[in-house]
Structures are given as structure tokens and as C-alpha cells.
Full PDB file with SEQRES, HELIX, SHEET, SSBOND, CRYST1, ORIGX, SCALE, CONECT and MASTER records, all heavy atoms in Angstrom:
SEQRES   1 A   41  SER TRP PHE MET PRO TRP GLY GLU ASN GLN CYS GLU LYS          
SEQRES   2 A   41  ILE ARG ASP SER GLU ASP ALA ILE SER ARG LEU ILE GLU          
SEQRES   3 A   41  ALA ASN ASP ILE VAL PHE ALA MET HIS ILE PRO HIS PRO          
SEQRES   4 A   41  GLY ASN                                                      
HELIX    1 AA1 SER A   17  SER A   22  1                                   6    
HELIX    2 AA2 ALA A   27  ASP A   29  5                                   3    
CRYST1    1.000    1.000    1.000  90.00  90.00  90.00 P 1           1          
ORIGX1      1.000000  0.000000  0.000000        0.00000                         
ORIGX2      0.000000  1.000000  0.000000        0.00000                         
ORIGX3      0.000000  0.000000  1.000000        0.00000                         
SCALE1      1.000000  0.000000  0.000000        0.00000                         
SCALE2      0.000000  1.000000  0.000000        0.00000                         
SCALE3      0.000000  0.000000  1.000000        0.00000                         
ATOM      1  N   SER A   1       0.864  -1.182  -0.012  1.00  0.00           N  
ATOM      2  CA  SER A   1       0.007  -0.004  -0.012  1.00  0.00           C  
ATOM      3  C   SER A   1       0.897   1.228  -0.007  1.00  0.00           C  
ATOM      4  O   SER A   1       1.822   1.340   0.832  1.00  0.00           O  
ATOM      5  CB  SER A   1      -0.898  -0.019   1.228  1.00  0.00           C  
ATOM      6  OG  SER A   1      -1.741  -1.120   1.233  1.00  0.00           O  
ATOM      7  N   TRP A   2       0.631   2.162  -0.916  1.00  0.00           N  
ATOM      8  CA  TRP A   2       1.520   3.303  -1.102  1.00  0.00           C  
ATOM      9  C   TRP A   2       1.045   4.508  -0.301  1.00  0.00           C  
ATOM     10  O   TRP A   2      -0.142   4.787  -0.196  1.00  0.00           O  
ATOM     11  CB  TRP A   2       1.599   3.661  -2.582  1.00  0.00           C  
ATOM     12  CG  TRP A   2       2.128   2.515  -3.424  1.00  0.00           C  
ATOM     13  CD1 TRP A   2       1.421   1.720  -4.247  1.00  0.00           C  
ATOM     14  CD2 TRP A   2       3.480   2.079  -3.453  1.00  0.00           C  
ATOM     15  NE1 TRP A   2       2.237   0.772  -4.828  1.00  0.00           N  
ATOM     16  CE2 TRP A   2       3.521   0.987  -4.359  1.00  0.00           C  
ATOM     17  CE3 TRP A   2       4.656   2.469  -2.843  1.00  0.00           C  
ATOM     18  CZ2 TRP A   2       4.701   0.273  -4.653  1.00  0.00           C  
ATOM     19  CZ3 TRP A   2       5.834   1.761  -3.114  1.00  0.00           C  
ATOM     20  CH2 TRP A   2       5.848   0.712  -4.031  1.00  0.00           C  
ATOM     21  N   PHE A   3       2.009   5.251   0.227  1.00  0.00           N  
ATOM     22  CA  PHE A   3       1.752   6.444   1.032  1.00  0.00           C  
ATOM     23  C   PHE A   3       2.482   7.611   0.354  1.00  0.00           C  
ATOM     24  O   PHE A   3       3.731   7.592   0.250  1.00  0.00           O  
ATOM     25  CB  PHE A   3       2.199   6.290   2.454  1.00  0.00           C  
ATOM     26  CG  PHE A   3       1.396   5.270   3.204  1.00  0.00           C  
ATOM     27  CD1 PHE A   3       1.705   3.902   3.115  1.00  0.00           C  
ATOM     28  CD2 PHE A   3       0.324   5.629   3.981  1.00  0.00           C  
ATOM     29  CE1 PHE A   3       0.962   2.956   3.780  1.00  0.00           C  
ATOM     30  CE2 PHE A   3      -0.434   4.673   4.676  1.00  0.00           C  
ATOM     31  CZ  PHE A   3      -0.121   3.344   4.581  1.00  0.00           C  
ATOM     32  N   MET A   4       1.708   8.569  -0.112  1.00  0.00           N  
ATOM     33  CA  MET A   4       2.263   9.759  -0.803  1.00  0.00           C  
ATOM     34  C   MET A   4       2.510  10.872   0.204  1.00  0.00           C  
ATOM     35  O   MET A   4       1.643  11.209   1.004  1.00  0.00           O  
ATOM     36  CB  MET A   4       1.326  10.227  -1.873  1.00  0.00           C  
ATOM     37  CG  MET A   4       1.558   9.604  -3.254  1.00  0.00           C  
ATOM     38  SD  MET A   4       3.062  10.247  -4.037  1.00  0.00           S  
ATOM     39  CE  MET A   4       2.570  11.941  -4.362  1.00  0.00           C  
ATOM     40  N   PRO A   5       3.699  11.497   0.181  1.00  0.00           N  
ATOM     41  CA  PRO A   5       3.978  12.579   1.128  1.00  0.00           C  
ATOM     42  C   PRO A   5       3.294  13.900   0.824  1.00  0.00           C  
ATOM     43  O   PRO A   5       3.146  14.741   1.676  1.00  0.00           O  
ATOM     44  CB  PRO A   5       5.519  12.738   1.028  1.00  0.00           C  
ATOM     45  CG  PRO A   5       5.833  12.251  -0.348  1.00  0.00           C  
ATOM     46  CD  PRO A   5       4.865  11.162  -0.634  1.00  0.00           C  
ATOM     47  N   TRP A   6       2.850  14.081  -0.413  1.00  0.00           N  
ATOM     48  CA  TRP A   6       2.146  15.329  -0.811  1.00  0.00           C  
ATOM     49  C   TRP A   6       1.281  15.053  -1.999  1.00  0.00           C  
ATOM     50  O   TRP A   6       1.303  13.925  -2.569  1.00  0.00           O  
ATOM     51  CB  TRP A   6       3.135  16.455  -1.117  1.00  0.00           C  
ATOM     52  CG  TRP A   6       4.319  16.022  -1.953  1.00  0.00           C  
ATOM     53  CD1 TRP A   6       5.555  15.691  -1.534  1.00  0.00           C  
ATOM     54  CD2 TRP A   6       4.346  15.900  -3.377  1.00  0.00           C  
ATOM     55  NE1 TRP A   6       6.368  15.345  -2.553  1.00  0.00           N  
ATOM     56  CE2 TRP A   6       5.653  15.459  -3.741  1.00  0.00           C  
ATOM     57  CE3 TRP A   6       3.427  16.089  -4.391  1.00  0.00           C  
ATOM     58  CZ2 TRP A   6       6.052  15.216  -5.047  1.00  0.00           C  
ATOM     59  CZ3 TRP A   6       3.812  15.836  -5.708  1.00  0.00           C  
ATOM     60  CH2 TRP A   6       5.107  15.409  -6.041  1.00  0.00           C  
ATOM     61  N   GLY A   7       0.498  16.044  -2.448  1.00  0.00           N  
ATOM     62  CA  GLY A   7      -0.406  15.876  -3.581  1.00  0.00           C  
ATOM     63  C   GLY A   7      -1.839  15.638  -3.158  1.00  0.00           C  
ATOM     64  O   GLY A   7      -2.191  15.748  -1.952  1.00  0.00           O  
ATOM     65  N   GLU A   8      -2.664  15.284  -4.120  1.00  0.00           N  
ATOM     66  CA  GLU A   8      -4.107  15.088  -3.845  1.00  0.00           C  
ATOM     67  C   GLU A   8      -4.347  13.903  -2.898  1.00  0.00           C  
ATOM     68  O   GLU A   8      -5.245  13.981  -2.044  1.00  0.00           O  
ATOM     69  CB  GLU A   8      -4.854  14.886  -5.156  1.00  0.00           C  
ATOM     70  CG  GLU A   8      -4.810  16.096  -6.092  1.00  0.00           C  
ATOM     71  CD  GLU A   8      -5.609  15.855  -7.362  1.00  0.00           C  
ATOM     72  OE1 GLU A   8      -6.136  14.743  -7.507  1.00  0.00           O  
ATOM     73  OE2 GLU A   8      -5.690  16.782  -8.203  1.00  0.00           O  
ATOM     74  N   ASN A   9      -3.604  12.862  -3.080  1.00  0.00           N  
ATOM     75  CA  ASN A   9      -3.819  11.653  -2.260  1.00  0.00           C  
ATOM     76  C   ASN A   9      -2.742  11.500  -1.176  1.00  0.00           C  
ATOM     77  O   ASN A   9      -2.299  10.409  -0.869  1.00  0.00           O  
ATOM     78  CB  ASN A   9      -3.831  10.404  -3.152  1.00  0.00           C  
ATOM     79  CG  ASN A   9      -4.911  10.454  -4.197  1.00  0.00           C  
ATOM     80  OD1 ASN A   9      -6.037  10.856  -3.932  1.00  0.00           O  
ATOM     81  ND2 ASN A   9      -4.597  10.010  -5.417  1.00  0.00           N  
ATOM     82  N   GLN A  10      -2.372  12.640  -0.614  1.00  0.00           N  
ATOM     83  CA  GLN A  10      -1.309  12.563   0.386  1.00  0.00           C  
ATOM     84  C   GLN A  10      -1.824  11.907   1.668  1.00  0.00           C  
ATOM     85  O   GLN A  10      -3.003  11.896   1.987  1.00  0.00           O  
ATOM     86  CB  GLN A  10      -0.798  13.986   0.705  1.00  0.00           C  
ATOM     87  CG  GLN A  10      -1.835  14.917   1.280  1.00  0.00           C  
ATOM     88  CD  GLN A  10      -1.252  16.263   1.562  1.00  0.00           C  
ATOM     89  OE1 GLN A  10      -0.413  16.432   2.449  1.00  0.00           O  
ATOM     90  NE2 GLN A  10      -1.653  17.268   0.771  1.00  0.00           N  
ATOM     91  N   CYS A  11      -0.865  11.318   2.383  1.00  0.00           N  
ATOM     92  CA  CYS A  11      -1.194  10.553   3.566  1.00  0.00           C  
ATOM     93  C   CYS A  11      -1.408  11.436   4.767  1.00  0.00           C  
ATOM     94  O   CYS A  11      -1.071  12.630   4.771  1.00  0.00           O  
ATOM     95  CB  CYS A  11      -0.051   9.563   3.858  1.00  0.00           C  
ATOM     96  SG  CYS A  11       1.522  10.385   4.253  1.00  0.00           S  
ATOM     97  N   GLU A  12      -1.986  10.857   5.817  1.00  0.00           N  
ATOM     98  CA  GLU A  12      -2.093  11.527   7.128  1.00  0.00           C  
ATOM     99  C   GLU A  12      -0.728  11.513   7.798  1.00  0.00           C  
ATOM    100  O   GLU A  12      -0.077  10.477   7.851  1.00  0.00           O  
ATOM    101  CB  GLU A  12      -3.138  10.852   7.965  1.00  0.00           C  
ATOM    102  CG  GLU A  12      -3.360  11.533   9.298  1.00  0.00           C  
ATOM    103  CD  GLU A  12      -4.360  10.807  10.165  1.00  0.00           C  
ATOM    104  OE1 GLU A  12      -4.968   9.821   9.702  1.00  0.00           O  
ATOM    105  OE2 GLU A  12      -4.513  11.199  11.367  1.00  0.00           O  
ATOM    106  N   LYS A  13      -0.299  12.666   8.320  1.00  0.00           N  
ATOM    107  CA  LYS A  13       1.067  12.760   8.818  1.00  0.00           C  
ATOM    108  C   LYS A  13       1.090  13.123  10.303  1.00  0.00           C  
ATOM    109  O   LYS A  13       0.109  13.606  10.888  1.00  0.00           O  
ATOM    110  CB  LYS A  13       1.845  13.865   8.056  1.00  0.00           C  
ATOM    111  CG  LYS A  13       1.878  13.708   6.552  1.00  0.00           C  
ATOM    112  CD  LYS A  13       2.713  14.778   5.957  1.00  0.00           C  
ATOM    113  CE  LYS A  13       2.657  14.780   4.418  1.00  0.00           C  
ATOM    114  NZ  LYS A  13       1.309  15.183   3.933  1.00  0.00           N  
ATOM    115  N   ILE A  14       2.260  12.862  10.880  1.00  0.00           N  
ATOM    116  CA  ILE A  14       2.553  13.299  12.243  1.00  0.00           C  
ATOM    117  C   ILE A  14       3.844  14.136  12.189  1.00  0.00           C  
ATOM    118  O   ILE A  14       4.643  14.008  11.266  1.00  0.00           O  
ATOM    119  CB  ILE A  14       2.757  12.129  13.237  1.00  0.00           C  
ATOM    120  CG1 ILE A  14       3.834  11.172  12.747  1.00  0.00           C  
ATOM    121  CG2 ILE A  14       1.420  11.394  13.409  1.00  0.00           C  
ATOM    122  CD1 ILE A  14       4.171  10.076  13.753  1.00  0.00           C  
ATOM    123  N   ARG A  15       4.031  14.989  13.211  1.00  0.00           N  
ATOM    124  CA  ARG A  15       5.194  15.882  13.217  1.00  0.00           C  
ATOM    125  C   ARG A  15       6.456  15.154  13.718  1.00  0.00           C  
ATOM    126  O   ARG A  15       7.493  15.213  13.067  1.00  0.00           O  
ATOM    127  CB  ARG A  15       4.925  17.109  14.065  1.00  0.00           C  
ATOM    128  CG  ARG A  15       3.821  17.999  13.493  1.00  0.00           C  
ATOM    129  CD  ARG A  15       3.763  19.305  14.324  1.00  0.00           C  
ATOM    130  NE  ARG A  15       3.563  19.011  15.743  1.00  0.00           N  
ATOM    131  CZ  ARG A  15       2.374  18.845  16.328  1.00  0.00           C  
ATOM    132  NH1 ARG A  15       1.271  18.918  15.580  1.00  0.00           N  
ATOM    133  NH2 ARG A  15       2.281  18.620  17.626  1.00  0.00           N  
ATOM    134  N   ASP A  16       6.332  14.512  14.862  1.00  0.00           N  
ATOM    135  CA  ASP A  16       7.502  13.898  15.477  1.00  0.00           C  
ATOM    136  C   ASP A  16       7.051  12.770  16.378  1.00  0.00           C  
ATOM    137  O   ASP A  16       5.861  12.427  16.465  1.00  0.00           O  
ATOM    138  CB  ASP A  16       8.328  14.941  16.213  1.00  0.00           C  
ATOM    139  CG  ASP A  16       7.491  15.812  17.116  1.00  0.00           C  
ATOM    140  OD1 ASP A  16       6.476  15.306  17.650  1.00  0.00           O  
ATOM    141  OD2 ASP A  16       7.793  17.000  17.276  1.00  0.00           O  
ATOM    142  N   SER A  17       7.983  12.205  17.124  1.00  0.00           N  
ATOM    143  CA  SER A  17       7.693  11.084  18.022  1.00  0.00           C  
ATOM    144  C   SER A  17       6.792  11.496  19.173  1.00  0.00           C  
ATOM    145  O   SER A  17       5.954  10.729  19.647  1.00  0.00           O  
ATOM    146  CB  SER A  17       8.981  10.480  18.581  1.00  0.00           C  
ATOM    147  OG  SER A  17       9.755  11.452  19.254  1.00  0.00           O  
ATOM    148  N   GLU A  18       6.924  12.769  19.652  1.00  0.00           N  
ATOM    149  CA  GLU A  18       6.061  13.245  20.731  1.00  0.00           C  
ATOM    150  C   GLU A  18       4.619  13.316  20.243  1.00  0.00           C  
ATOM    151  O   GLU A  18       3.652  12.968  20.978  1.00  0.00           O  
ATOM    152  CB  GLU A  18       6.536  14.628  21.196  1.00  0.00           C  
ATOM    153  CG  GLU A  18       7.795  14.607  22.057  1.00  0.00           C  
ATOM    154  CD  GLU A  18       9.052  14.396  21.226  1.00  0.00           C  
ATOM    155  OE1 GLU A  18       8.955  14.474  19.992  1.00  0.00           O  
ATOM    156  OE2 GLU A  18      10.098  14.092  21.832  1.00  0.00           O  
ATOM    157  N   ASP A  19       4.447  13.747  18.979  1.00  0.00           N  
ATOM    158  CA  ASP A  19       3.103  13.801  18.401  1.00  0.00           C  
ATOM    159  C   ASP A  19       2.526  12.373  18.294  1.00  0.00           C  
ATOM    160  O   ASP A  19       1.326  12.147  18.572  1.00  0.00           O  
ATOM    161  CB  ASP A  19       3.157  14.455  17.040  1.00  0.00           C  
ATOM    162  CG  ASP A  19       1.754  14.703  16.459  1.00  0.00           C  
ATOM    163  OD1 ASP A  19       0.764  14.672  17.256  1.00  0.00           O  
ATOM    164  OD2 ASP A  19       1.644  14.887  15.239  1.00  0.00           O  
ATOM    165  N   ALA A  20       3.364  11.394  17.921  1.00  0.00           N  
ATOM    166  CA  ALA A  20       2.891  10.011  17.820  1.00  0.00           C  
ATOM    167  C   ALA A  20       2.488   9.459  19.195  1.00  0.00           C  
ATOM    168  O   ALA A  20       1.459   8.780  19.343  1.00  0.00           O  
ATOM    169  CB  ALA A  20       3.988   9.127  17.216  1.00  0.00           C  
ATOM    170  N   ILE A  21       3.253   9.812  20.242  1.00  0.00           N  
ATOM    171  CA  ILE A  21       2.913   9.304  21.605  1.00  0.00           C  
ATOM    172  C   ILE A  21       1.610   9.930  22.071  1.00  0.00           C  
ATOM    173  O   ILE A  21       0.765   9.249  22.668  1.00  0.00           O  
ATOM    174  CB  ILE A  21       4.088   9.644  22.552  1.00  0.00           C  
ATOM    175  CG1 ILE A  21       5.332   8.841  22.165  1.00  0.00           C  
ATOM    176  CG2 ILE A  21       3.697   9.325  24.013  1.00  0.00           C  
ATOM    177  CD1 ILE A  21       6.564   9.232  22.969  1.00  0.00           C  
ATOM    178  N   SER A  22       1.462  11.217  21.823  1.00  0.00           N  
ATOM    179  CA  SER A  22       0.212  11.851  22.271  1.00  0.00           C  
ATOM    180  C   SER A  22      -1.016  11.330  21.565  1.00  0.00           C  
ATOM    181  O   SER A  22      -2.116  11.359  22.164  1.00  0.00           O  
ATOM    182  CB  SER A  22       0.327  13.374  22.094  1.00  0.00           C  
ATOM    183  OG  SER A  22       0.420  13.679  20.683  1.00  0.00           O  
ATOM    184  N   ARG A  23      -0.848  10.835  20.345  1.00  0.00           N  
ATOM    185  CA  ARG A  23      -1.988  10.299  19.580  1.00  0.00           C  
ATOM    186  C   ARG A  23      -2.055   8.807  19.657  1.00  0.00           C  
ATOM    187  O   ARG A  23      -2.817   8.161  18.931  1.00  0.00           O  
ATOM    188  CB  ARG A  23      -1.877  10.762  18.124  1.00  0.00           C  
ATOM    189  CG  ARG A  23      -1.997  12.273  17.951  1.00  0.00           C  
ATOM    190  CD  ARG A  23      -1.664  12.730  16.512  1.00  0.00           C  
ATOM    191  NE  ARG A  23      -2.522  12.040  15.547  1.00  0.00           N  
ATOM    192  CZ  ARG A  23      -2.450  12.251  14.215  1.00  0.00           C  
ATOM    193  NH1 ARG A  23      -1.520  13.092  13.749  1.00  0.00           N  
ATOM    194  NH2 ARG A  23      -3.250  11.634  13.405  1.00  0.00           N  
ATOM    195  N   LEU A  24      -1.225   8.196  20.511  1.00  0.00           N  
ATOM    196  CA  LEU A  24      -1.202   6.760  20.722  1.00  0.00           C  
ATOM    197  C   LEU A  24      -0.899   5.973  19.439  1.00  0.00           C  
ATOM    198  O   LEU A  24      -1.499   4.933  19.168  1.00  0.00           O  
ATOM    199  CB  LEU A  24      -2.518   6.283  21.334  1.00  0.00           C  
ATOM    200  CG  LEU A  24      -2.913   6.910  22.675  1.00  0.00           C  
ATOM    201  CD1 LEU A  24      -4.255   6.396  23.155  1.00  0.00           C  
ATOM    202  CD2 LEU A  24      -1.854   6.670  23.709  1.00  0.00           C  
ATOM    203  N   ILE A  25       0.004   6.506  18.662  1.00  0.00           N  
ATOM    204  CA  ILE A  25       0.413   5.891  17.376  1.00  0.00           C  
ATOM    205  C   ILE A  25       1.683   5.099  17.641  1.00  0.00           C  
ATOM    206  O   ILE A  25       2.686   5.655  18.098  1.00  0.00           O  
ATOM    207  CB  ILE A  25       0.604   6.929  16.261  1.00  0.00           C  
ATOM    208  CG1 ILE A  25      -0.725   7.645  16.024  1.00  0.00           C  
ATOM    209  CG2 ILE A  25       1.140   6.271  15.001  1.00  0.00           C  
ATOM    210  CD1 ILE A  25      -0.579   8.796  15.018  1.00  0.00           C  
ATOM    211  N   GLU A  26       1.671   3.810  17.333  1.00  0.00           N  
ATOM    212  CA  GLU A  26       2.842   2.959  17.529  1.00  0.00           C  
ATOM    213  C   GLU A  26       3.846   3.098  16.378  1.00  0.00           C  
ATOM    214  O   GLU A  26       3.503   3.552  15.293  1.00  0.00           O  
ATOM    215  CB  GLU A  26       2.400   1.511  17.674  1.00  0.00           C  
ATOM    216  CG  GLU A  26       1.473   1.260  18.859  1.00  0.00           C  
ATOM    217  CD  GLU A  26       1.071  -0.204  18.945  1.00  0.00           C  
ATOM    218  OE1 GLU A  26       1.427  -0.960  18.004  1.00  0.00           O  
ATOM    219  OE2 GLU A  26       0.397  -0.562  19.936  1.00  0.00           O  
ATOM    220  N   ALA A  27       5.074   2.621  16.638  1.00  0.00           N  
ATOM    221  CA  ALA A  27       6.108   2.697  15.619  1.00  0.00           C  
ATOM    222  C   ALA A  27       5.757   1.865  14.397  1.00  0.00           C  
ATOM    223  O   ALA A  27       6.119   2.191  13.260  1.00  0.00           O  
ATOM    224  CB  ALA A  27       7.440   2.235  16.205  1.00  0.00           C  
ATOM    225  N   ASN A  28       5.042   0.760  14.619  1.00  0.00           N  
ATOM    226  CA  ASN A  28       4.645  -0.098  13.496  1.00  0.00           C  
ATOM    227  C   ASN A  28       3.624   0.544  12.584  1.00  0.00           C  
ATOM    228  O   ASN A  28       3.370   0.046  11.477  1.00  0.00           O  
ATOM    229  CB  ASN A  28       4.091  -1.432  14.013  1.00  0.00           C  
ATOM    230  CG  ASN A  28       5.157  -2.269  14.689  1.00  0.00           C  
ATOM    231  OD1 ASN A  28       6.325  -2.129  14.375  1.00  0.00           O  
ATOM    232  ND2 ASN A  28       4.760  -3.121  15.611  1.00  0.00           N  
ATOM    233  N   ASP A  29       3.001   1.636  13.024  1.00  0.00           N  
ATOM    234  CA  ASP A  29       1.992   2.317  12.220  1.00  0.00           C  
ATOM    235  C   ASP A  29       2.536   3.504  11.439  1.00  0.00           C  
ATOM    236  O   ASP A  29       1.800   4.205  10.769  1.00  0.00           O  
ATOM    237  CB  ASP A  29       0.838   2.832  13.129  1.00  0.00           C  
ATOM    238  CG  ASP A  29       0.171   1.700  13.907  1.00  0.00           C  
ATOM    239  OD1 ASP A  29       0.103   0.617  13.314  1.00  0.00           O  
ATOM    240  OD2 ASP A  29      -0.299   1.939  15.027  1.00  0.00           O  
ATOM    241  N   ILE A  30       3.865   3.706  11.499  1.00  0.00           N  
ATOM    242  CA  ILE A  30       4.489   4.853  10.854  1.00  0.00           C  
ATOM    243  C   ILE A  30       5.236   4.399   9.604  1.00  0.00           C  
ATOM    244  O   ILE A  30       5.988   3.409   9.632  1.00  0.00           O  
ATOM    245  CB  ILE A  30       5.495   5.568  11.816  1.00  0.00           C  
ATOM    246  CG1 ILE A  30       4.735   6.077  13.058  1.00  0.00           C  
ATOM    247  CG2 ILE A  30       6.205   6.706  11.107  1.00  0.00           C  
ATOM    248  CD1 ILE A  30       5.644   6.666  14.104  1.00  0.00           C  
ATOM    249  N   VAL A  31       4.977   5.127   8.524  1.00  0.00           N  
ATOM    250  CA  VAL A  31       5.651   4.855   7.236  1.00  0.00           C  
ATOM    251  C   VAL A  31       6.400   6.117   6.834  1.00  0.00           C  
ATOM    252  O   VAL A  31       5.770   7.199   6.714  1.00  0.00           O  
ATOM    253  CB  VAL A  31       4.632   4.436   6.160  1.00  0.00           C  
ATOM    254  CG1 VAL A  31       5.354   4.205   4.829  1.00  0.00           C  
ATOM    255  CG2 VAL A  31       3.862   3.219   6.559  1.00  0.00           C  
ATOM    256  N   PHE A  32       7.668   6.015   6.578  1.00  0.00           N  
ATOM    257  CA  PHE A  32       8.456   7.139   6.106  1.00  0.00           C  
ATOM    258  C   PHE A  32       8.382   7.157   4.583  1.00  0.00           C  
ATOM    259  O   PHE A  32       8.868   6.244   3.922  1.00  0.00           O  
ATOM    260  CB  PHE A  32       9.908   7.012   6.591  1.00  0.00           C  
ATOM    261  CG  PHE A  32      10.046   7.002   8.075  1.00  0.00           C  
ATOM    262  CD1 PHE A  32      10.054   5.823   8.795  1.00  0.00           C  
ATOM    263  CD2 PHE A  32      10.173   8.194   8.766  1.00  0.00           C  
ATOM    264  CE1 PHE A  32      10.190   5.792  10.179  1.00  0.00           C  
ATOM    265  CE2 PHE A  32      10.281   8.205  10.167  1.00  0.00           C  
ATOM    266  CZ  PHE A  32      10.280   6.974  10.854  1.00  0.00           C  
ATOM    267  N   ALA A  33       7.776   8.217   4.064  1.00  0.00           N  
ATOM    268  CA  ALA A  33       7.489   8.296   2.610  1.00  0.00           C  
ATOM    269  C   ALA A  33       8.324   9.443   1.985  1.00  0.00           C  
ATOM    270  O   ALA A  33       8.400  10.533   2.520  1.00  0.00           O  
ATOM    271  CB  ALA A  33       6.021   8.543   2.364  1.00  0.00           C  
ATOM    272  N   MET A  34       8.928   9.104   0.832  1.00  0.00           N  
ATOM    273  CA  MET A  34       9.711  10.090   0.080  1.00  0.00           C  
ATOM    274  C   MET A  34       9.416   9.969  -1.394  1.00  0.00           C  
ATOM    275  O   MET A  34       9.416   8.854  -1.956  1.00  0.00           O  
ATOM    276  CB  MET A  34      11.225   9.900   0.332  1.00  0.00           C  
ATOM    277  CG  MET A  34      11.698  10.325   1.681  1.00  0.00           C  
ATOM    278  SD  MET A  34      13.030   9.302   2.353  1.00  0.00           S  
ATOM    279  CE  MET A  34      12.110   7.830   2.856  1.00  0.00           C  
ATOM    280  N   HIS A  35       9.127  11.095  -2.027  1.00  0.00           N  
ATOM    281  CA  HIS A  35       8.862  11.132  -3.480  1.00  0.00           C  
ATOM    282  C   HIS A  35      10.049  11.695  -4.188  1.00  0.00           C  
ATOM    283  O   HIS A  35      10.578  12.744  -3.797  1.00  0.00           O  
ATOM    284  CB  HIS A  35       7.601  11.982  -3.755  1.00  0.00           C  
ATOM    285  CG  HIS A  35       7.185  11.968  -5.202  1.00  0.00           C  
ATOM    286  ND1 HIS A  35       7.828  12.748  -6.151  1.00  0.00           N  
ATOM    287  CD2 HIS A  35       6.197  11.313  -5.837  1.00  0.00           C  
ATOM    288  CE1 HIS A  35       7.237  12.548  -7.326  1.00  0.00           C  
ATOM    289  NE2 HIS A  35       6.268  11.675  -7.147  1.00  0.00           N  
ATOM    290  N   ILE A  36      10.507  11.005  -5.238  1.00  0.00           N  
ATOM    291  CA  ILE A  36      11.691  11.438  -5.996  1.00  0.00           C  
ATOM    292  C   ILE A  36      11.245  11.662  -7.449  1.00  0.00           C  
ATOM    293  O   ILE A  36      10.707  10.766  -8.059  1.00  0.00           O  
ATOM    294  CB  ILE A  36      12.810  10.373  -5.957  1.00  0.00           C  
ATOM    295  CG1 ILE A  36      13.210  10.085  -4.494  1.00  0.00           C  
ATOM    296  CG2 ILE A  36      14.013  10.818  -6.784  1.00  0.00           C  
ATOM    297  CD1 ILE A  36      14.129   8.922  -4.348  1.00  0.00           C  
ATOM    298  N   PRO A  37      11.423  12.904  -7.981  1.00  0.00           N  
ATOM    299  CA  PRO A  37      12.111  14.047  -7.405  1.00  0.00           C  
ATOM    300  C   PRO A  37      11.138  14.938  -6.603  1.00  0.00           C  
ATOM    301  O   PRO A  37      10.025  14.505  -6.262  1.00  0.00           O  
ATOM    302  CB  PRO A  37      12.634  14.770  -8.643  1.00  0.00           C  
ATOM    303  CG  PRO A  37      11.563  14.510  -9.661  1.00  0.00           C  
ATOM    304  CD  PRO A  37      11.077  13.097  -9.392  1.00  0.00           C  
ATOM    305  N   HIS A  38      11.583  16.188  -6.332  1.00  0.00           N  
ATOM    306  CA  HIS A  38      10.744  17.118  -5.644  1.00  0.00           C  
ATOM    307  C   HIS A  38       9.545  17.519  -6.507  1.00  0.00           C  
ATOM    308  O   HIS A  38       9.581  17.316  -7.727  1.00  0.00           O  
ATOM    309  CB  HIS A  38      11.527  18.369  -5.230  1.00  0.00           C  
ATOM    310  CG  HIS A  38      12.560  18.111  -4.149  1.00  0.00           C  
ATOM    311  ND1 HIS A  38      12.174  17.627  -2.928  1.00  0.00           N  
ATOM    312  CD2 HIS A  38      13.899  18.272  -4.121  1.00  0.00           C  
ATOM    313  CE1 HIS A  38      13.243  17.502  -2.142  1.00  0.00           C  
ATOM    314  NE2 HIS A  38      14.306  17.871  -2.843  1.00  0.00           N  
ATOM    315  N   PRO A  39       8.492  18.074  -5.920  1.00  0.00           N  
ATOM    316  CA  PRO A  39       7.301  18.500  -6.699  1.00  0.00           C  
ATOM    317  C   PRO A  39       7.681  19.414  -7.860  1.00  0.00           C  
ATOM    318  O   PRO A  39       8.510  20.321  -7.707  1.00  0.00           O  
ATOM    319  CB  PRO A  39       6.420  19.186  -5.674  1.00  0.00           C  
ATOM    320  CG  PRO A  39       6.844  18.606  -4.358  1.00  0.00           C  
ATOM    321  CD  PRO A  39       8.309  18.332  -4.487  1.00  0.00           C  
ATOM    322  N   GLY A  40       7.063  19.176  -9.023  1.00  0.00           N  
ATOM    323  CA  GLY A  40       7.299  20.003 -10.185  1.00  0.00           C  
ATOM    324  C   GLY A  40       8.463  19.559 -11.092  1.00  0.00           C  
ATOM    325  O   GLY A  40       8.663  20.136 -12.124  1.00  0.00           O  
ATOM    326  N   ASN A  41       9.181  18.510 -10.672  1.00  0.00           N  
ATOM    327  CA  ASN A  41      10.292  18.019 -11.430  1.00  0.00           C  
ATOM    328  C   ASN A  41      10.028  16.586 -11.903  1.00  0.00           C  
ATOM    329  O   ASN A  41       9.132  15.906 -11.381  1.00  0.00           O  
ATOM    330  CB  ASN A  41      11.599  18.063 -10.620  1.00  0.00           C  
ATOM    331  CG  ASN A  41      11.950  19.466 -10.234  1.00  0.00           C  
ATOM    332  OD1 ASN A  41      11.927  20.393 -11.040  1.00  0.00           O  
ATOM    333  ND2 ASN A  41      12.284  19.677  -8.963  1.00  0.00           N  
TER     334      ASN A  41                                                      
MASTER        0    0    0    2    0    0    0    6  333    1    0    4          
END                                                                             
């Protein structure tokens, strides 16, 4: 399942680990997403 960092179908994001703890989000629920290249290229 693909997670887009930006665009129309961008994923729901968190800021940092403190944000994940406050929202009770586990490490297994986090996906680090990167789009290559940057937008517009």
C-alpha cells in the first residue's frame, strides 16, 4: 500500500515522536515516505 507525502492523495502525517505518543500511534503504524524528485520536477 503506497503512502504519498504530498499531492491530492497525500497521507495523514505526524510531526515527530512526541506527536505520535500523544496520539497513541505505535512505531509499526509509521511509514516514512519520500517522493523522487521534488514536486514540479
